[in-house]
PDB file of N, CA and C in Angstrom:
ATOM      1  N   MET A   1     -91.859  44.117 -21.599  1.00  0.00           N
ATOM      2  CA  MET A   1     -91.265  43.207 -20.650  1.00  0.00           C
ATOM      3  C   MET A   1     -90.851  44.010 -19.408  1.00  0.00           C
ATOM      4  N   PRO A   2     -91.243  43.533 -18.207  1.00  0.00           N
ATOM      5  CA  PRO A   2     -90.888  44.278 -16.989  1.00  0.00           C
ATOM      6  C   PRO A   2     -89.404  44.146 -16.681  1.00  0.00           C
ATOM      7  N   LYS A   3     -88.864  45.206 -16.130  1.00  0.00           N
ATOM      8  CA  LYS A   3     -87.446  45.218 -15.776  1.00  0.00           C
ATOM      9  C   LYS A   3     -87.255  44.561 -14.415  1.00  0.00           C
ATOM     10  N   LEU A   4     -86.263  43.669 -14.339  1.00  0.00           N
ATOM     11  CA  LEU A   4     -85.959  42.999 -13.086  1.00  0.00           C
ATOM     12  C   LEU A   4     -85.244  43.959 -12.141  1.00  0.00           C
ATOM     13  N   PRO A   5     -85.479  43.814 -10.840  1.00  0.00           N
ATOM     14  CA  PRO A   5     -84.791  44.717  -9.896  1.00  0.00           C
ATOM     15  C   PRO A   5     -83.287  44.443  -9.884  1.00  0.00           C
ATOM     16  N   ASP A   6     -82.525  45.491  -9.716  1.00  0.00           N
ATOM     17  CA  ASP A   6     -81.070  45.358  -9.627  1.00  0.00           C
ATOM     18  C   ASP A   6     -80.692  44.798  -8.266  1.00  0.00           C
ATOM     19  N   HIS A   7     -79.773  43.845  -8.288  1.00  0.00           N
ATOM     20  CA  HIS A   7     -79.288  43.275  -7.037  1.00  0.00           C
ATOM     21  C   HIS A   7     -78.078  44.077  -6.579  1.00  0.00           C
ATOM     22  N   PRO A   8     -78.023  44.386  -5.289  1.00  0.00           N
ATOM     23  CA  PRO A   8     -76.845  45.123  -4.810  1.00  0.00           C
ATOM     24  C   PRO A   8     -75.598  44.249  -4.904  1.00  0.00           C
ATOM     25  N   ALA A   9     -74.482  44.886  -5.148  1.00  0.00           N
ATOM     26  CA  ALA A   9     -73.209  44.166  -5.250  1.00  0.00           C
ATOM     27  C   ALA A   9     -72.838  43.596  -3.886  1.00  0.00           C
ATOM     28  N   THR A  10     -72.399  42.351  -3.872  1.00  0.00           N
ATOM     29  CA  THR A  10     -71.981  41.745  -2.611  1.00  0.00           C
ATOM     30  C   THR A  10     -70.586  42.244  -2.248  1.00  0.00           C
ATOM     31  N   PRO A  11     -70.347  42.490  -0.981  1.00  0.00           N
ATOM     32  CA  PRO A  11     -69.014  42.963  -0.587  1.00  0.00           C
ATOM     33  C   PRO A  11     -67.991  41.844  -0.753  1.00  0.00           C
ATOM     34  N   PRO A  12     -66.736  42.189  -0.997  1.00  0.00           N
ATOM     35  CA  PRO A  12     -65.705  41.154  -1.152  1.00  0.00           C
ATOM     36  C   PRO A  12     -65.461  40.415   0.156  1.00  0.00           C
ATOM     37  N   LEU A  13     -65.013  39.173   0.046  1.00  0.00           N
ATOM     38  CA  LEU A  13     -64.713  38.360   1.223  1.00  0.00           C
ATOM     39  C   LEU A  13     -63.502  38.925   1.964  1.00  0.00           C
ATOM     40  N   ILE A  14     -62.435  39.215   1.211  1.00  0.00           N
ATOM     41  CA  ILE A  14     -61.199  39.759   1.791  1.00  0.00           C
ATOM     42  C   ILE A  14     -60.711  40.890   0.900  1.00  0.00           C
ATOM     43  N   GLU A  15     -60.356  41.989   1.490  1.00  0.00           N
ATOM     44  CA  GLU A  15     -59.789  43.109   0.741  1.00  0.00           C
ATOM     45  C   GLU A  15     -58.543  43.583   1.479  1.00  0.00           C
ATOM     46  N   VAL A  16     -57.408  43.539   0.790  1.00  0.00           N
ATOM     47  CA  VAL A  16     -56.124  43.898   1.401  1.00  0.00           C
ATOM     48  C   VAL A  16     -55.524  45.061   0.612  1.00  0.00           C
ATOM     49  N   ARG A  17     -55.155  46.103   1.313  1.00  0.00           N
ATOM     50  CA  ARG A  17     -54.480  47.242   0.690  1.00  0.00           C
ATOM     51  C   ARG A  17     -53.183  47.509   1.444  1.00  0.00           C
ATOM     52  N   ILE A  18     -52.070  47.338   0.720  1.00  0.00           N
ATOM     53  CA  ILE A  18     -50.750  47.616   1.288  1.00  0.00           C
ATOM     54  C   ILE A  18     -50.025  48.497   0.280  1.00  0.00           C
ATOM     55  N   GLY A  19     -49.956  49.753   0.561  1.00  0.00           N
ATOM     56  CA  GLY A  19     -49.323  50.689  -0.374  1.00  0.00           C
ATOM     57  C   GLY A  19     -50.055  50.689  -1.705  1.00  0.00           C
ATOM     58  N   ASP A  20     -49.324  50.403  -2.784  1.00  0.00           N
ATOM     59  CA  ASP A  20     -49.936  50.359  -4.109  1.00  0.00           C
ATOM     60  C   ASP A  20     -50.569  49.010  -4.418  1.00  0.00           C
ATOM     61  N   LEU A  21     -50.350  48.017  -3.576  1.00  0.00           N
ATOM     62  CA  LEU A  21     -50.908  46.685  -3.788  1.00  0.00           C
ATOM     63  C   LEU A  21     -52.344  46.644  -3.288  1.00  0.00           C
ATOM     64  N   HIS A  22     -53.262  46.202  -4.140  1.00  0.00           N
ATOM     65  CA  HIS A  22     -54.669  46.104  -3.785  1.00  0.00           C
ATOM     66  C   HIS A  22     -55.170  44.738  -4.227  1.00  0.00           C
ATOM     67  N   VAL A  23     -55.460  43.852  -3.248  1.00  0.00           N
ATOM     68  CA  VAL A  23     -55.899  42.487  -3.540  1.00  0.00           C
ATOM     69  C   VAL A  23     -57.324  42.312  -3.033  1.00  0.00           C
ATOM     70  N   ILE A  24     -58.195  41.795  -3.891  1.00  0.00           N
ATOM     71  CA  ILE A  24     -59.584  41.540  -3.516  1.00  0.00           C
ATOM     72  C   ILE A  24     -59.895  40.075  -3.818  1.00  0.00           C
ATOM     73  N   ILE A  25     -60.443  39.372  -2.826  1.00  0.00           N
ATOM     74  CA  ILE A  25     -60.906  37.999  -3.016  1.00  0.00           C
ATOM     75  C   ILE A  25     -62.421  38.029  -2.899  1.00  0.00           C
ATOM     76  N   GLN A  26     -63.099  37.714  -4.006  1.00  0.00           N
ATOM     77  CA  GLN A  26     -64.559  37.774  -4.044  1.00  0.00           C
ATOM     78  C   GLN A  26     -65.189  36.591  -3.328  1.00  0.00           C
ATOM     79  N   ARG A  27     -64.636  35.388  -3.519  1.00  0.00           N
ATOM     80  CA  ARG A  27     -65.184  34.199  -2.882  1.00  0.00           C
ATOM     81  C   ARG A  27     -64.048  33.295  -2.440  1.00  0.00           C
ATOM     82  N   LEU A  28     -64.337  32.402  -1.514  1.00  0.00           N
ATOM     83  CA  LEU A  28     -63.328  31.517  -0.958  1.00  0.00           C
ATOM     84  C   LEU A  28     -62.985  30.419  -1.960  1.00  0.00           C
ATOM     85  N   PRO A  29     -61.712  30.278  -2.336  1.00  0.00           N
ATOM     86  CA  PRO A  29     -61.319  29.224  -3.271  1.00  0.00           C
ATOM     87  C   PRO A  29     -61.206  27.881  -2.537  1.00  0.00           C
ATOM     88  N   VAL A  30     -62.319  27.161  -2.423  1.00  0.00           N
ATOM     89  CA  VAL A  30     -62.381  25.930  -1.632  1.00  0.00           C
ATOM     90  C   VAL A  30     -61.394  24.861  -2.119  1.00  0.00           C
ATOM     91  N   PRO A  31     -61.288  24.579  -3.428  1.00  0.00           N
ATOM     92  CA  PRO A  31     -60.319  23.557  -3.842  1.00  0.00           C
ATOM     93  C   PRO A  31     -58.871  23.921  -3.469  1.00  0.00           C
ATOM     94  N   LEU A  32     -58.506  25.181  -3.605  1.00  0.00           N
ATOM     95  CA  LEU A  32     -57.157  25.605  -3.237  1.00  0.00           C
ATOM     96  C   LEU A  32     -56.944  25.479  -1.733  1.00  0.00           C
ATOM     97  N   LEU A  33     -57.930  25.880  -0.957  1.00  0.00           N
ATOM     98  CA  LEU A  33     -57.835  25.777   0.499  1.00  0.00           C
ATOM     99  C   LEU A  33     -57.718  24.317   0.931  1.00  0.00           C
ATOM    100  N   THR A  34     -58.459  23.422   0.294  1.00  0.00           N
ATOM    101  CA  THR A  34     -58.389  21.991   0.598  1.00  0.00           C
ATOM    102  C   THR A  34     -57.010  21.437   0.277  1.00  0.00           C
ATOM    103  N   PHE A  35     -56.469  21.808  -0.873  1.00  0.00           N
ATOM    104  CA  PHE A  35     -55.138  21.344  -1.259  1.00  0.00           C
ATOM    105  C   PHE A  35     -54.074  21.822  -0.280  1.00  0.00           C
ATOM    106  N   LEU A  36     -54.105  23.098   0.080  1.00  0.00           N
ATOM    107  CA  LEU A  36     -53.100  23.642   0.993  1.00  0.00           C
ATOM    108  C   LEU A  36     -53.202  23.018   2.381  1.00  0.00           C
ATOM    109  N   THR A  37     -54.415  22.752   2.848  1.00  0.00           N
ATOM    110  CA  THR A  37     -54.599  22.117   4.151  1.00  0.00           C
ATOM    111  C   THR A  37     -54.057  20.688   4.141  1.00  0.00           C
ATOM    112  N   THR A  38     -54.344  19.958   3.066  1.00  0.00           N
ATOM    113  CA  THR A  38     -53.838  18.590   2.940  1.00  0.00           C
ATOM    114  C   THR A  38     -52.312  18.576   2.867  1.00  0.00           C
ATOM    115  N   LEU A  39     -51.758  19.495   2.100  1.00  0.00           N
ATOM    116  CA  LEU A  39     -50.303  19.583   1.978  1.00  0.00           C
ATOM    117  C   LEU A  39     -49.656  19.903   3.324  1.00  0.00           C
ATOM    118  N   ALA A  40     -50.211  20.854   4.045  1.00  0.00           N
ATOM    119  CA  ALA A  40     -49.652  21.231   5.351  1.00  0.00           C
ATOM    120  C   ALA A  40     -49.752  20.074   6.340  1.00  0.00           C
ATOM    121  N   GLY A  41     -50.858  19.345   6.302  1.00  0.00           N
ATOM    122  CA  GLY A  41     -51.000  18.196   7.195  1.00  0.00           C
ATOM    123  C   GLY A  41     -50.004  17.098   6.877  1.00  0.00           C
ATOM    124  N   SER A  42     -49.781  16.852   5.599  1.00  0.00           N
ATOM    125  CA  SER A  42     -48.824  15.814   5.200  1.00  0.00           C
ATOM    126  C   SER A  42     -47.402  16.189   5.597  1.00  0.00           C
ATOM    127  N   VAL A  43     -47.014  17.426   5.370  1.00  0.00           N
ATOM    128  CA  VAL A  43     -45.677  17.887   5.745  1.00  0.00           C
ATOM    129  C   VAL A  43     -45.513  17.859   7.257  1.00  0.00           C
ATOM    130  N   GLY A  44     -46.523  18.298   7.967  1.00  0.00           N
ATOM    131  CA  GLY A  44     -46.460  18.282   9.426  1.00  0.00           C
ATOM    132  C   GLY A  44     -46.341  16.866   9.983  1.00  0.00           C
ATOM    133  N   ALA A  45     -47.111  15.939   9.418  1.00  0.00           N
ATOM    134  CA  ALA A  45     -47.018  14.548   9.884  1.00  0.00           C
ATOM    135  C   ALA A  45     -45.656  13.945   9.557  1.00  0.00           C
ATOM    136  N   SER A  46     -45.129  14.257   8.396  1.00  0.00           N
ATOM    137  CA  SER A  46     -43.796  13.740   8.017  1.00  0.00           C
ATOM    138  C   SER A  46     -42.729  14.257   8.982  1.00  0.00           C
ATOM    139  N   LEU A  47     -42.798  15.527   9.297  1.00  0.00           N
ATOM    140  CA  LEU A  47     -41.818  16.091  10.229  1.00  0.00           C
ATOM    141  C   LEU A  47     -41.987  15.531  11.634  1.00  0.00           C
ATOM    142  N   TRP A  48     -43.240  15.340  12.050  1.00  0.00           N
ATOM    143  CA  TRP A  48     -43.524  14.857  13.401  1.00  0.00           C
ATOM    144  C   TRP A  48     -43.039  13.422  13.584  1.00  0.00           C
ATOM    145  N   PHE A  49     -43.335  12.557  12.612  1.00  0.00           N
ATOM    146  CA  PHE A  49     -43.017  11.136  12.768  1.00  0.00           C
ATOM    147  C   PHE A  49     -41.585  10.801  12.353  1.00  0.00           C
ATOM    148  N   SER A  50     -40.875  11.729  11.761  1.00  0.00           N
ATOM    149  CA  SER A  50     -39.490  11.448  11.374  1.00  0.00           C
ATOM    150  C   SER A  50     -38.521  11.628  12.535  1.00  0.00           C
ATOM    151  N   ARG A  51     -38.997  12.084  13.649  1.00  0.00           N
ATOM    152  CA  ARG A  51     -38.131  12.315  14.816  1.00  0.00           C
ATOM    153  C   ARG A  51     -37.810  11.035  15.519  1.00  0.00           C
TER     154      ARG A  51
END
């Protein structure tokens, strides 16, 4: 059986290094981003129209 070629590793989307803290995000969490955007819009509209 022939060996398949190795695929190079994809670089991370976001890599943050602050002192001993090392955070890597491999892919964008779309459902989380959608939830946070909706939440921010709702809070912003509530604050805007409550004036």
